[in-house]
């Protein structure tokens, strides 16, 4: 008997990519989107209307530092992200696969360009690998895509 339920999100199906490379050993990610709302009131009116303004998005993720990051396999890690942060001001392309599917067409993912805003690294005593956290601030539209 299968324990897979297609009616809920399975985190093991989630994936994050930066500039086309899978983030090696990612542990979690959060995508935040919000839209500003403006209030307007016309002279002579007691009511206040609300109108939608622009939206913004950001992504943060955590991953384990893998010392043998395999660039030939399309993986990226802390060193590549740190190098980009300190040597480049150009945006990176971020793609997020939340693990959901569009029944009629295929796998849903979101992508957009953003600037690496922060990168922190943590090492603890013992055998545990180091981990790092990255925050990317979107610089434009976040696009919904579907693979077939």
C-alpha atoms as a PDB file:
ATOM      1  CA  UNK A   1       0.000   0.000   0.000  1.00  0.00           C
ATOM      2  CA  UNK A   2       1.373   3.405  -0.985  1.00  0.00           C
ATOM      3  CA  UNK A   3       1.765   6.072   1.684  1.00  0.00           C
ATOM      4  CA  UNK A   4       1.985   8.848  -0.923  1.00  0.00           C
ATOM      5  CA  UNK A   5      -0.953  11.242  -0.792  1.00  0.00           C
ATOM      6  CA  UNK A   6      -1.183  13.527  -3.869  1.00  0.00           C
ATOM      7  CA  UNK A   7      -3.401  15.959  -1.939  1.00  0.00           C
ATOM      8  CA  UNK A   8      -0.649  17.520   0.155  1.00  0.00           C
ATOM      9  CA  UNK A   9       2.795  18.982  -0.419  1.00  0.00           C
ATOM     10  CA  UNK A  10       5.761  16.671   0.079  1.00  0.00           C
ATOM     11  CA  UNK A  11       8.845  18.620   1.136  1.00  0.00           C
ATOM     12  CA  UNK A  12      11.173  15.915  -0.193  1.00  0.00           C
ATOM     13  CA  UNK A  13      10.084  16.980  -3.667  1.00  0.00           C
ATOM     14  CA  UNK A  14      11.117  20.628  -3.134  1.00  0.00           C
ATOM     15  CA  UNK A  15      14.211  21.947  -4.888  1.00  0.00           C
ATOM     16  CA  UNK A  16      16.132  25.227  -5.083  1.00  0.00           C
ATOM     17  CA  UNK A  17      18.491  26.246  -7.882  1.00  0.00           C
ATOM     18  CA  UNK A  18      20.781  29.267  -8.252  1.00  0.00           C
ATOM     19  CA  UNK A  19      21.949  30.192 -11.761  1.00  0.00           C
ATOM     20  CA  UNK A  20      20.839  26.804 -13.062  1.00  0.00           C
ATOM     21  CA  UNK A  21      22.724  24.748 -10.463  1.00  0.00           C
ATOM     22  CA  UNK A  22      21.065  22.754  -7.696  1.00  0.00           C
ATOM     23  CA  UNK A  23      21.984  23.943  -4.204  1.00  0.00           C
ATOM     24  CA  UNK A  24      23.774  20.900  -2.813  1.00  0.00           C
ATOM     25  CA  UNK A  25      22.265  19.392   0.338  1.00  0.00           C
ATOM     26  CA  UNK A  26      19.670  22.114   0.866  1.00  0.00           C
ATOM     27  CA  UNK A  27      17.748  21.649   4.110  1.00  0.00           C
ATOM     28  CA  UNK A  28      14.925  24.162   3.793  1.00  0.00           C
ATOM     29  CA  UNK A  29      13.814  27.267   1.983  1.00  0.00           C
ATOM     30  CA  UNK A  30      11.267  30.023   2.472  1.00  0.00           C
ATOM     31  CA  UNK A  31       9.780  32.143  -0.281  1.00  0.00           C
ATOM     32  CA  UNK A  32       8.176  35.366   0.926  1.00  0.00           C
ATOM     33  CA  UNK A  33       5.934  37.450  -1.300  1.00  0.00           C
ATOM     34  CA  UNK A  34       3.983  40.516  -0.320  1.00  0.00           C
ATOM     35  CA  UNK A  35       2.061  43.292  -2.022  1.00  0.00           C
ATOM     36  CA  UNK A  36       1.762  46.837  -0.789  1.00  0.00           C
ATOM     37  CA  UNK A  37      -1.752  48.166  -0.296  1.00  0.00           C
ATOM     38  CA  UNK A  38      -2.543  51.879  -0.546  1.00  0.00           C
ATOM     39  CA  UNK A  39      -5.527  53.604   0.970  1.00  0.00           C
ATOM     40  CA  UNK A  40      -7.297  56.328  -0.968  1.00  0.00           C
ATOM     41  CA  UNK A  41     -10.131  58.596   0.054  1.00  0.00           C
ATOM     42  CA  UNK A  42     -11.922  61.045  -2.199  1.00  0.00           C
ATOM     43  CA  UNK A  43     -12.947  64.494  -0.993  1.00  0.00           C
ATOM     44  CA  UNK A  44     -16.518  64.396   0.211  1.00  0.00           C
ATOM     45  CA  UNK A  45     -16.502  60.651   0.846  1.00  0.00           C
ATOM     46  CA  UNK A  46     -16.512  58.951   4.234  1.00  0.00           C
ATOM     47  CA  UNK A  47     -15.245  55.674   2.856  1.00  0.00           C
ATOM     48  CA  UNK A  48     -11.692  54.583   2.316  1.00  0.00           C
ATOM     49  CA  UNK A  49     -10.798  52.385  -0.636  1.00  0.00           C
ATOM     50  CA  UNK A  50      -7.806  50.125  -0.823  1.00  0.00           C
ATOM     51  CA  UNK A  51      -5.886  49.509  -4.006  1.00  0.00           C
ATOM     52  CA  UNK A  52      -3.204  46.956  -4.731  1.00  0.00           C
ATOM     53  CA  UNK A  53       0.311  48.241  -5.314  1.00  0.00           C
ATOM     54  CA  UNK A  54       3.447  46.467  -6.503  1.00  0.00           C
ATOM     55  CA  UNK A  55       4.646  43.211  -5.001  1.00  0.00           C
ATOM     56  CA  UNK A  56       8.076  42.108  -3.897  1.00  0.00           C
ATOM     57  CA  UNK A  57       9.592  38.729  -3.160  1.00  0.00           C
ATOM     58  CA  UNK A  58      12.547  37.186  -1.417  1.00  0.00           C
ATOM     59  CA  UNK A  59      13.939  33.720  -0.835  1.00  0.00           C
ATOM     60  CA  UNK A  60      15.994  32.414   2.048  1.00  0.00           C
ATOM     61  CA  UNK A  61      17.424  28.933   2.324  1.00  0.00           C
ATOM     62  CA  UNK A  62      19.610  26.764   4.522  1.00  0.00           C
ATOM     63  CA  UNK A  63      22.010  24.083   3.346  1.00  0.00           C
ATOM     64  CA  UNK A  64      24.788  21.861   4.636  1.00  0.00           C
ATOM     65  CA  UNK A  65      28.324  22.599   3.485  1.00  0.00           C
ATOM     66  CA  UNK A  66      29.415  19.679   1.333  1.00  0.00           C
ATOM     67  CA  UNK A  67      33.190  19.661   0.972  1.00  0.00           C
ATOM     68  CA  UNK A  68      33.165  17.634  -2.220  1.00  0.00           C
ATOM     69  CA  UNK A  69      30.702  19.816  -4.131  1.00  0.00           C
ATOM     70  CA  UNK A  70      30.433  18.354  -7.623  1.00  0.00           C
ATOM     71  CA  UNK A  71      30.242  21.247 -10.073  1.00  0.00           C
ATOM     72  CA  UNK A  72      30.187  18.822 -12.995  1.00  0.00           C
ATOM     73  CA  UNK A  73      26.947  17.384 -11.601  1.00  0.00           C
ATOM     74  CA  UNK A  74      25.389  20.850 -11.640  1.00  0.00           C
ATOM     75  CA  UNK A  75      25.598  21.425  -7.886  1.00  0.00           C
ATOM     76  CA  UNK A  76      26.504  24.697  -6.223  1.00  0.00           C
ATOM     77  CA  UNK A  77      27.375  25.452  -2.637  1.00  0.00           C
ATOM     78  CA  UNK A  78      28.708  27.927  -0.126  1.00  0.00           C
ATOM     79  CA  UNK A  79      31.966  28.732  -1.927  1.00  0.00           C
ATOM     80  CA  UNK A  80      30.288  29.584  -5.250  1.00  0.00           C
ATOM     81  CA  UNK A  81      27.624  31.692  -3.536  1.00  0.00           C
ATOM     82  CA  UNK A  82      30.194  33.517  -1.379  1.00  0.00           C
ATOM     83  CA  UNK A  83      32.359  34.169  -4.421  1.00  0.00           C
ATOM     84  CA  UNK A  84      29.372  35.662  -6.259  1.00  0.00           C
ATOM     85  CA  UNK A  85      28.432  37.813  -3.260  1.00  0.00           C
ATOM     86  CA  UNK A  86      31.886  39.378  -2.840  1.00  0.00           C
ATOM     87  CA  UNK A  87      32.931  39.657  -6.500  1.00  0.00           C
ATOM     88  CA  UNK A  88      29.756  40.491  -8.407  1.00  0.00           C
ATOM     89  CA  UNK A  89      26.887  42.944  -8.231  1.00  0.00           C
ATOM     90  CA  UNK A  90      24.839  41.131 -10.864  1.00  0.00           C
ATOM     91  CA  UNK A  91      21.655  39.307  -9.901  1.00  0.00           C
ATOM     92  CA  UNK A  92      21.459  35.528  -9.730  1.00  0.00           C
ATOM     93  CA  UNK A  93      18.590  33.510 -11.155  1.00  0.00           C
ATOM     94  CA  UNK A  94      16.669  31.592  -8.500  1.00  0.00           C
ATOM     95  CA  UNK A  95      14.297  28.712  -9.288  1.00  0.00           C
ATOM     96  CA  UNK A  96      12.108  27.074  -6.654  1.00  0.00           C
ATOM     97  CA  UNK A  97      10.236  23.834  -7.047  1.00  0.00           C
ATOM     98  CA  UNK A  98       7.660  23.567  -4.284  1.00  0.00           C
ATOM     99  CA  UNK A  99       6.907  19.932  -5.114  1.00  0.00           C
ATOM    100  CA  UNK A 100       3.457  20.609  -6.540  1.00  0.00           C
ATOM    101  CA  UNK A 101       2.173  19.675  -9.971  1.00  0.00           C
ATOM    102  CA  UNK A 102      -0.251  21.168 -12.431  1.00  0.00           C
ATOM    103  CA  UNK A 103      -2.436  18.169 -13.212  1.00  0.00           C
ATOM    104  CA  UNK A 104      -2.872  19.100 -16.880  1.00  0.00           C
ATOM    105  CA  UNK A 105       0.766  19.870 -17.681  1.00  0.00           C
ATOM    106  CA  UNK A 106       3.462  18.917 -15.168  1.00  0.00           C
ATOM    107  CA  UNK A 107       5.845  20.167 -12.450  1.00  0.00           C
ATOM    108  CA  UNK A 108       5.305  23.729 -11.203  1.00  0.00           C
ATOM    109  CA  UNK A 109       8.280  25.955 -10.390  1.00  0.00           C
ATOM    110  CA  UNK A 110       8.874  29.666  -9.797  1.00  0.00           C
ATOM    111  CA  UNK A 111      11.848  31.659 -11.047  1.00  0.00           C
ATOM    112  CA  UNK A 112      13.196  35.175 -10.950  1.00  0.00           C
ATOM    113  CA  UNK A 113      16.326  37.285 -10.655  1.00  0.00           C
ATOM    114  CA  UNK A 114      17.559  38.498  -7.314  1.00  0.00           C
ATOM    115  CA  UNK A 115      20.546  39.851  -5.455  1.00  0.00           C
ATOM    116  CA  UNK A 116      22.289  37.770  -2.791  1.00  0.00           C
ATOM    117  CA  UNK A 117      21.602  39.969   0.207  1.00  0.00           C
ATOM    118  CA  UNK A 118      23.248  37.907   2.929  1.00  0.00           C
ATOM    119  CA  UNK A 119      25.186  34.720   3.463  1.00  0.00           C
ATOM    120  CA  UNK A 120      26.037  33.331   6.880  1.00  0.00           C
ATOM    121  CA  UNK A 121      28.050  30.257   7.764  1.00  0.00           C
ATOM    122  CA  UNK A 122      27.955  28.236  10.980  1.00  0.00           C
ATOM    123  CA  UNK A 123      30.388  25.550  12.131  1.00  0.00           C
ATOM    124  CA  UNK A 124      29.872  23.529  15.302  1.00  0.00           C
ATOM    125  CA  UNK A 125      32.218  21.196  17.175  1.00  0.00           C
ATOM    126  CA  UNK A 126      32.081  17.507  16.419  1.00  0.00           C
ATOM    127  CA  UNK A 127      31.363  15.590  13.272  1.00  0.00           C
ATOM    128  CA  UNK A 128      28.425  17.668  12.078  1.00  0.00           C
ATOM    129  CA  UNK A 129      29.038  19.455   8.780  1.00  0.00           C
ATOM    130  CA  UNK A 130      28.895  23.229   8.672  1.00  0.00           C
ATOM    131  CA  UNK A 131      25.714  24.824   7.478  1.00  0.00           C
ATOM    132  CA  UNK A 132      24.947  28.109   5.807  1.00  0.00           C
ATOM    133  CA  UNK A 133      22.001  30.401   5.238  1.00  0.00           C
ATOM    134  CA  UNK A 134      21.408  32.588   2.198  1.00  0.00           C
ATOM    135  CA  UNK A 135      18.958  35.417   1.580  1.00  0.00           C
ATOM    136  CA  UNK A 136      18.121  36.601  -1.944  1.00  0.00           C
ATOM    137  CA  UNK A 137      16.053  39.758  -2.553  1.00  0.00           C
ATOM    138  CA  UNK A 138      14.040  39.673  -5.794  1.00  0.00           C
ATOM    139  CA  UNK A 139      14.774  42.401  -8.335  1.00  0.00           C
ATOM    140  CA  UNK A 140      11.780  41.935 -10.604  1.00  0.00           C
ATOM    141  CA  UNK A 141       8.959  39.579 -11.404  1.00  0.00           C
ATOM    142  CA  UNK A 142       8.622  36.103  -9.953  1.00  0.00           C
ATOM    143  CA  UNK A 143       7.355  33.885 -12.766  1.00  0.00           C
ATOM    144  CA  UNK A 144       5.264  30.723 -12.496  1.00  0.00           C
ATOM    145  CA  UNK A 145       6.509  28.050 -14.895  1.00  0.00           C
ATOM    146  CA  UNK A 146       5.403  24.511 -15.638  1.00  0.00           C
ATOM    147  CA  UNK A 147       7.597  21.760 -17.055  1.00  0.00           C
ATOM    148  CA  UNK A 148       6.095  19.125 -19.260  1.00  0.00           C
END
